Amino acid sequence: MTNHVASRVDQAYKHLLLAEAEKQMVTPLTDLYPDMTVEEAYYVQIKSIDQKVRAGQQIVGKKIGLTSFAMQKLLGVDQPDYGHLLDRMDVANNGIISLNELFQPKVEAEIAFVLRKDLQGPSVTLEDVLEATDYFVPALEIVDSRIVDWRIKLQDTIADNASCGLYVLGDEKFSMTDLDLTQIEMKLFRNGELMNTGYGSDVLGHPAACVAWLANKLSEYNVILKAGEVILSGALSAAIAAEKGDRFTAGFTGLGKVEVTFK
């Protein structure tokens, strides 16, 4: 990393840190640095995560974003992105989330993988992922952004830890032999009203393909997916904004359901 890039990464990191410190959304990084690259954005994310780890938080997994072609088209990109899951992001199934903790949350439903062995790119396959998986569970991801009004481009969301806020895992664990992940249908409800539906095949054709992409992408940064980590494989449908009093329920054929309430 050149001195110029290092300086800009530091400035961008402090810009996002200010949002957390003052609980105030900030200008998009791509407005401040129009030529910021994807690589620089990942450096900003990594710097932020490193600081949180030094402060006592623990990395417990990864999340994959922009796995649906619709979301990629919306942001004008041709690949997913990723972020880190920290221990403080975990919310119990049927738990309650305070809106005071967040900026502008939205809820997505997806399938989470929990690994029983490490996955190291750059040549991880879909089959490798299934073989390395201990179990999978239904999940809700609460995406959030420190960028004002969700005015994000790819570099903005990457720098902001792939817009990761919190996550909720279902209680029952399933093995890869239980059912075909591509055929799982998900229905997302807000206060009992059906908001959208999706299938396992909607994310790069197979949720495990998303995890394989992640393992191979991370090899560029000498990072591996570790045994025991939670991997959120990508939203099966559009994110739905959460407001005070909202209760979200995601039901998955063969996987049960996962719920959370906002207060």
Protein backbone atom coordinates (compact mmCIF):
# COMPACT_ATOMS: atom_id res chain seq x y z
CA MET A 1 0.00 0.00 0.00
CA THR A 2 1.46 3.38 -1.00
CA ASN A 3 1.64 6.27 1.45
CA HIS A 4 -1.09 8.05 -0.51
CA VAL A 5 -3.44 5.07 -0.30
CA ALA A 6 -2.61 4.49 3.39
CA SER A 7 -3.40 8.12 4.17
CA ARG A 8 -6.73 7.97 2.36
CA VAL A 9 -7.66 4.66 3.99
CA ASP A 10 -7.00 6.25 7.37
CA GLN A 11 -9.13 9.29 6.50
CA ALA A 12 -11.99 7.10 5.28
CA TYR A 13 -11.81 4.90 8.37
CA LYS A 14 -12.01 7.96 10.64
CA HIS A 15 -14.94 9.31 8.59
CA LEU A 16 -16.96 6.15 9.29
CA LEU A 17 -15.76 6.02 12.90
CA LEU A 18 -17.17 9.52 13.40
CA ALA A 19 -20.60 8.22 12.43
CA GLU A 20 -20.44 5.62 15.21
CA ALA A 21 -19.07 8.06 17.77
CA GLU A 22 -21.70 10.73 17.10
CA LYS A 23 -24.51 8.39 16.04
CA GLN A 24 -24.89 10.47 12.91
CA MET A 25 -24.96 9.20 9.32
CA VAL A 26 -22.21 10.52 7.07
CA THR A 27 -21.51 11.46 3.46
CA PRO A 28 -20.71 8.56 1.09
CA LEU A 29 -17.01 7.85 0.79
CA THR A 30 -17.44 7.79 -2.98
CA ASP A 31 -18.52 11.44 -2.81
CA LEU A 32 -15.39 12.36 -0.87
CA TYR A 33 -13.05 10.07 -2.86
CA PRO A 34 -14.62 9.46 -6.30
CA ASP A 35 -11.67 7.36 -7.46
CA MET A 36 -11.56 5.09 -4.40
CA THR A 37 -10.95 1.50 -5.52
CA VAL A 38 -12.58 -1.68 -4.26
CA GLU A 39 -9.21 -2.75 -2.86
CA GLU A 40 -8.92 0.49 -0.87
CA ALA A 41 -12.45 -0.03 0.45
CA TYR A 42 -11.50 -3.46 1.77
CA TYR A 43 -8.45 -1.93 3.48
CA VAL A 44 -10.83 0.50 5.24
CA GLN A 45 -13.02 -2.41 6.37
CA ILE A 46 -10.05 -4.43 7.61
CA LYS A 47 -8.66 -1.44 9.52
CA SER A 48 -12.00 -0.98 11.26
CA ILE A 49 -12.31 -4.66 12.13
CA ASP A 50 -8.73 -4.77 13.43
CA GLN A 51 -9.50 -1.86 15.75
CA LYS A 52 -12.63 -3.57 17.08
CA VAL A 53 -10.72 -6.79 17.71
CA ARG A 54 -8.05 -4.86 19.60
CA ALA A 55 -10.86 -3.38 21.70
CA GLY A 56 -11.97 -6.86 22.75
CA GLN A 57 -14.50 -7.99 20.13
CA GLN A 58 -14.06 -11.35 18.39
CA ILE A 59 -14.51 -12.35 14.76
CA VAL A 60 -17.05 -15.20 14.66
CA GLY A 61 -17.70 -15.42 10.93
CA LYS A 62 -18.26 -13.66 7.63
CA LYS A 63 -21.18 -12.38 5.60
CA ILE A 64 -21.58 -12.34 1.86
CA GLY A 65 -23.51 -9.56 0.16
CA LEU A 66 -24.70 -8.77 -3.35
CA THR A 67 -25.15 -12.43 -4.24
CA SER A 68 -28.34 -11.91 -6.23
CA PHE A 69 -28.12 -10.66 -9.80
CA ALA A 70 -30.80 -8.05 -9.05
CA MET A 71 -28.68 -6.43 -6.31
CA GLN A 72 -25.55 -6.59 -8.46
CA LYS A 73 -27.38 -4.83 -11.28
CA LEU A 74 -28.70 -2.20 -8.86
CA LEU A 75 -25.17 -1.26 -7.77
CA GLY A 76 -23.64 -1.82 -11.20
CA VAL A 77 -21.27 -4.60 -10.09
CA ASP A 78 -20.56 -8.11 -11.34
CA GLN A 79 -19.49 -9.84 -8.11
CA PRO A 80 -20.51 -10.19 -4.46
CA ASP A 81 -18.79 -8.52 -1.53
CA TYR A 82 -18.12 -9.61 2.04
CA GLY A 83 -17.86 -8.39 5.60
CA HIS A 84 -16.95 -9.68 9.06
CA LEU A 85 -19.29 -10.95 11.77
CA LEU A 86 -18.34 -9.99 15.32
CA ASP A 87 -19.55 -11.60 18.54
CA ARG A 88 -21.54 -8.50 19.52
CA MET A 89 -23.66 -8.79 16.35
CA ASP A 90 -25.31 -12.07 17.41
CA VAL A 91 -28.97 -11.78 18.47
CA ALA A 92 -30.90 -14.74 19.90
CA ASN A 93 -33.76 -16.22 17.89
CA ASN A 94 -37.04 -14.53 18.97
CA GLY A 95 -34.92 -11.78 20.46
CA ILE A 96 -35.55 -8.04 20.68
CA ILE A 97 -33.43 -5.41 18.96
CA SER A 98 -33.32 -1.79 20.07
CA LEU A 99 -33.49 0.63 17.15
CA ASN A 100 -31.29 2.95 19.21
CA GLU A 101 -28.37 0.61 18.45
CA LEU A 102 -28.72 1.05 14.70
CA PHE A 103 -28.85 3.71 11.99
CA GLN A 104 -31.31 2.66 9.26
CA PRO A 105 -31.80 -1.11 9.54
CA LYS A 106 -33.27 -3.45 6.95
CA VAL A 107 -33.95 -7.16 7.30
CA GLU A 108 -32.89 -9.93 4.93
CA ALA A 109 -33.45 -13.69 5.16
CA GLU A 110 -30.77 -16.19 4.19
CA ILE A 111 -29.15 -19.54 4.91
CA ALA A 112 -26.22 -19.63 7.32
CA PHE A 113 -23.42 -22.21 7.18
CA VAL A 114 -21.40 -23.22 10.24
CA LEU A 115 -18.08 -24.81 9.32
CA ARG A 116 -16.53 -27.91 10.92
CA LYS A 117 -13.21 -27.50 9.10
CA ASP A 118 -11.19 -24.69 7.56
CA LEU A 119 -11.72 -23.59 3.96
CA GLN A 120 -8.74 -22.04 2.19
CA GLY A 121 -8.80 -20.69 -1.37
CA PRO A 122 -8.04 -20.10 -4.14
CA SER A 123 -9.56 -23.30 -5.57
CA VAL A 124 -12.43 -24.10 -3.21
CA THR A 125 -15.44 -25.69 -4.95
CA LEU A 126 -19.11 -25.93 -4.06
CA GLU A 127 -18.54 -29.58 -3.13
CA ASP A 128 -15.65 -28.57 -0.85
CA VAL A 129 -17.99 -26.21 1.01
CA LEU A 130 -20.64 -28.85 1.56
CA GLU A 131 -18.02 -31.31 2.80
CA ALA A 132 -16.57 -28.73 5.20
CA THR A 133 -19.94 -27.67 6.63
CA ASP A 134 -20.94 -28.88 10.09
CA TYR A 135 -24.55 -27.73 9.73
CA PHE A 136 -26.70 -24.95 8.37
CA VAL A 137 -29.55 -22.94 9.86
CA PRO A 138 -32.08 -20.32 8.76
CA ALA A 139 -30.95 -16.79 9.46
CA LEU A 140 -31.96 -13.16 9.45
CA GLU A 141 -29.39 -10.49 8.73
CA ILE A 142 -30.09 -6.95 9.86
CA VAL A 143 -28.17 -4.86 7.37
CA ASP A 144 -27.37 -1.30 8.34
CA SER A 145 -25.43 1.61 6.90
CA ARG A 146 -23.56 4.55 8.34
CA ILE A 147 -23.89 6.21 4.92
CA VAL A 148 -26.73 8.74 4.76
CA ASP A 149 -29.96 7.50 3.12
CA TRP A 150 -28.31 4.29 1.88
CA ARG A 151 -26.63 6.33 -0.89
CA ILE A 152 -24.07 3.60 -1.40
CA LYS A 153 -21.91 2.38 -4.22
CA LEU A 154 -19.90 -0.84 -3.99
CA GLN A 155 -16.91 0.87 -2.36
CA ASP A 156 -19.15 2.47 0.28
CA THR A 157 -20.75 -0.76 1.41
CA ILE A 158 -17.45 -2.66 1.42
CA ALA A 159 -15.74 -0.03 3.56
CA ASP A 160 -18.74 -0.08 5.91
CA ASN A 161 -18.19 -3.81 6.59
CA ALA A 162 -20.56 -4.79 3.78
CA SER A 163 -23.36 -2.92 5.59
CA CYS A 164 -23.49 -5.55 8.31
CA GLY A 165 -25.43 -4.70 11.46
CA LEU A 166 -26.65 -7.76 13.38
CA TYR A 167 -27.72 -11.33 12.67
CA VAL A 168 -30.10 -13.95 14.08
CA LEU A 169 -29.73 -17.72 13.70
CA GLY A 170 -32.46 -20.33 13.93
CA ASP A 171 -32.39 -22.86 16.77
CA GLU A 172 -32.50 -26.15 14.87
CA LYS A 173 -29.41 -27.42 13.01
CA PHE A 174 -29.54 -29.27 9.69
CA SER A 175 -26.98 -31.37 7.85
CA MET A 176 -26.24 -31.15 4.13
CA THR A 177 -27.94 -34.51 3.59
CA ASP A 178 -31.27 -33.29 4.95
CA LEU A 179 -32.43 -31.41 1.84
CA ASP A 180 -31.43 -29.71 -1.42
CA LEU A 181 -30.46 -26.14 -0.56
CA THR A 182 -31.36 -24.85 -4.03
CA GLN A 183 -34.97 -25.96 -3.59
CA ILE A 184 -35.55 -24.29 -0.23
CA GLU A 185 -38.28 -21.65 -0.41
CA MET A 186 -38.12 -18.69 1.96
CA LYS A 187 -41.03 -16.45 2.91
CA LEU A 188 -40.31 -13.23 4.79
CA PHE A 189 -43.11 -11.71 6.89
CA ARG A 190 -43.32 -8.35 8.64
CA ASN A 191 -46.01 -8.23 11.33
CA GLY A 192 -47.66 -11.26 9.76
CA GLU A 193 -47.79 -9.76 6.26
CA LEU A 194 -45.88 -11.56 3.50
CA MET A 195 -43.24 -9.16 2.16
CA ASN A 196 -41.31 -11.32 -0.29
CA THR A 197 -40.17 -14.82 -1.19
CA GLY A 198 -36.98 -16.38 -2.46
CA TYR A 199 -35.27 -19.67 -3.19
CA GLY A 200 -31.86 -21.09 -2.40
CA SER A 201 -31.09 -21.04 -6.11
CA ASP A 202 -31.43 -17.23 -6.16
CA VAL A 203 -27.91 -16.70 -4.77
CA LEU A 204 -25.31 -17.58 -7.42
CA GLY A 205 -27.37 -20.69 -8.22
CA HIS A 206 -26.58 -22.34 -4.86
CA PRO A 207 -25.84 -20.92 -1.38
CA ALA A 208 -22.70 -23.06 -1.12
CA ALA A 209 -21.40 -21.45 -4.32
CA CYS A 210 -21.45 -18.15 -2.43
CA VAL A 211 -19.33 -19.61 0.36
CA ALA A 212 -16.89 -21.03 -2.20
CA TRP A 213 -16.63 -17.58 -3.82
CA LEU A 214 -15.87 -16.09 -0.41
CA ALA A 215 -13.16 -18.61 0.45
CA ASN A 216 -11.47 -17.97 -2.89
CA LYS A 217 -11.81 -14.19 -2.64
CA LEU A 218 -10.33 -14.15 0.86
CA SER A 219 -7.26 -16.02 -0.35
CA GLU A 220 -6.25 -12.77 -2.09
CA TYR A 221 -5.81 -11.31 1.42
CA ASN A 222 -4.29 -14.47 2.96
CA VAL A 223 -7.43 -15.03 5.02
CA ILE A 224 -9.10 -18.42 5.49
CA LEU A 225 -12.57 -19.42 6.65
CA LYS A 226 -12.08 -21.17 9.97
CA ALA A 227 -13.78 -24.13 11.58
CA GLY A 228 -16.62 -22.94 13.81
CA GLU A 229 -17.23 -19.73 11.87
CA VAL A 230 -20.73 -18.66 10.84
CA ILE A 231 -21.04 -17.77 7.16
CA LEU A 232 -24.13 -15.83 6.03
CA SER A 233 -24.45 -16.90 2.41
CA GLY A 234 -26.49 -14.02 1.02
CA ALA A 235 -30.03 -12.67 1.01
CA LEU A 236 -32.64 -14.75 -0.80
CA SER A 237 -34.77 -11.66 -1.48
CA ALA A 238 -34.86 -7.89 -1.09
CA ALA A 239 -34.15 -6.23 2.25
CA ILE A 240 -37.16 -4.77 4.10
CA ALA A 241 -36.87 -1.64 6.26
CA ALA A 242 -37.46 -2.16 9.99
CA GLU A 243 -39.35 0.28 12.20
CA LYS A 244 -40.36 0.44 15.84
CA GLY A 245 -42.59 -2.44 16.85
CA ASP A 246 -41.95 -4.51 13.74
CA ARG A 247 -41.69 -8.28 14.08
CA PHE A 248 -39.97 -10.15 11.27
CA THR A 249 -40.40 -13.86 10.65
CA ALA A 250 -38.66 -15.87 7.94
CA GLY A 251 -39.99 -19.34 7.22
CA PHE A 252 -37.92 -21.82 5.21
CA THR A 253 -39.25 -25.10 3.78
CA GLY A 254 -37.50 -27.86 5.68
CA LEU A 255 -35.53 -25.46 7.89
CA GLY A 256 -38.17 -23.99 10.17
CA LYS A 257 -38.26 -20.30 11.00
CA VAL A 258 -36.33 -17.49 12.61
CA GLU A 259 -37.81 -14.36 14.20
CA VAL A 260 -36.86 -11.02 15.70
CA THR A 261 -38.67 -7.92 17.02
CA PHE A 262 -37.61 -4.25 16.93
CA LYS A 263 -38.42 -1.93 19.81
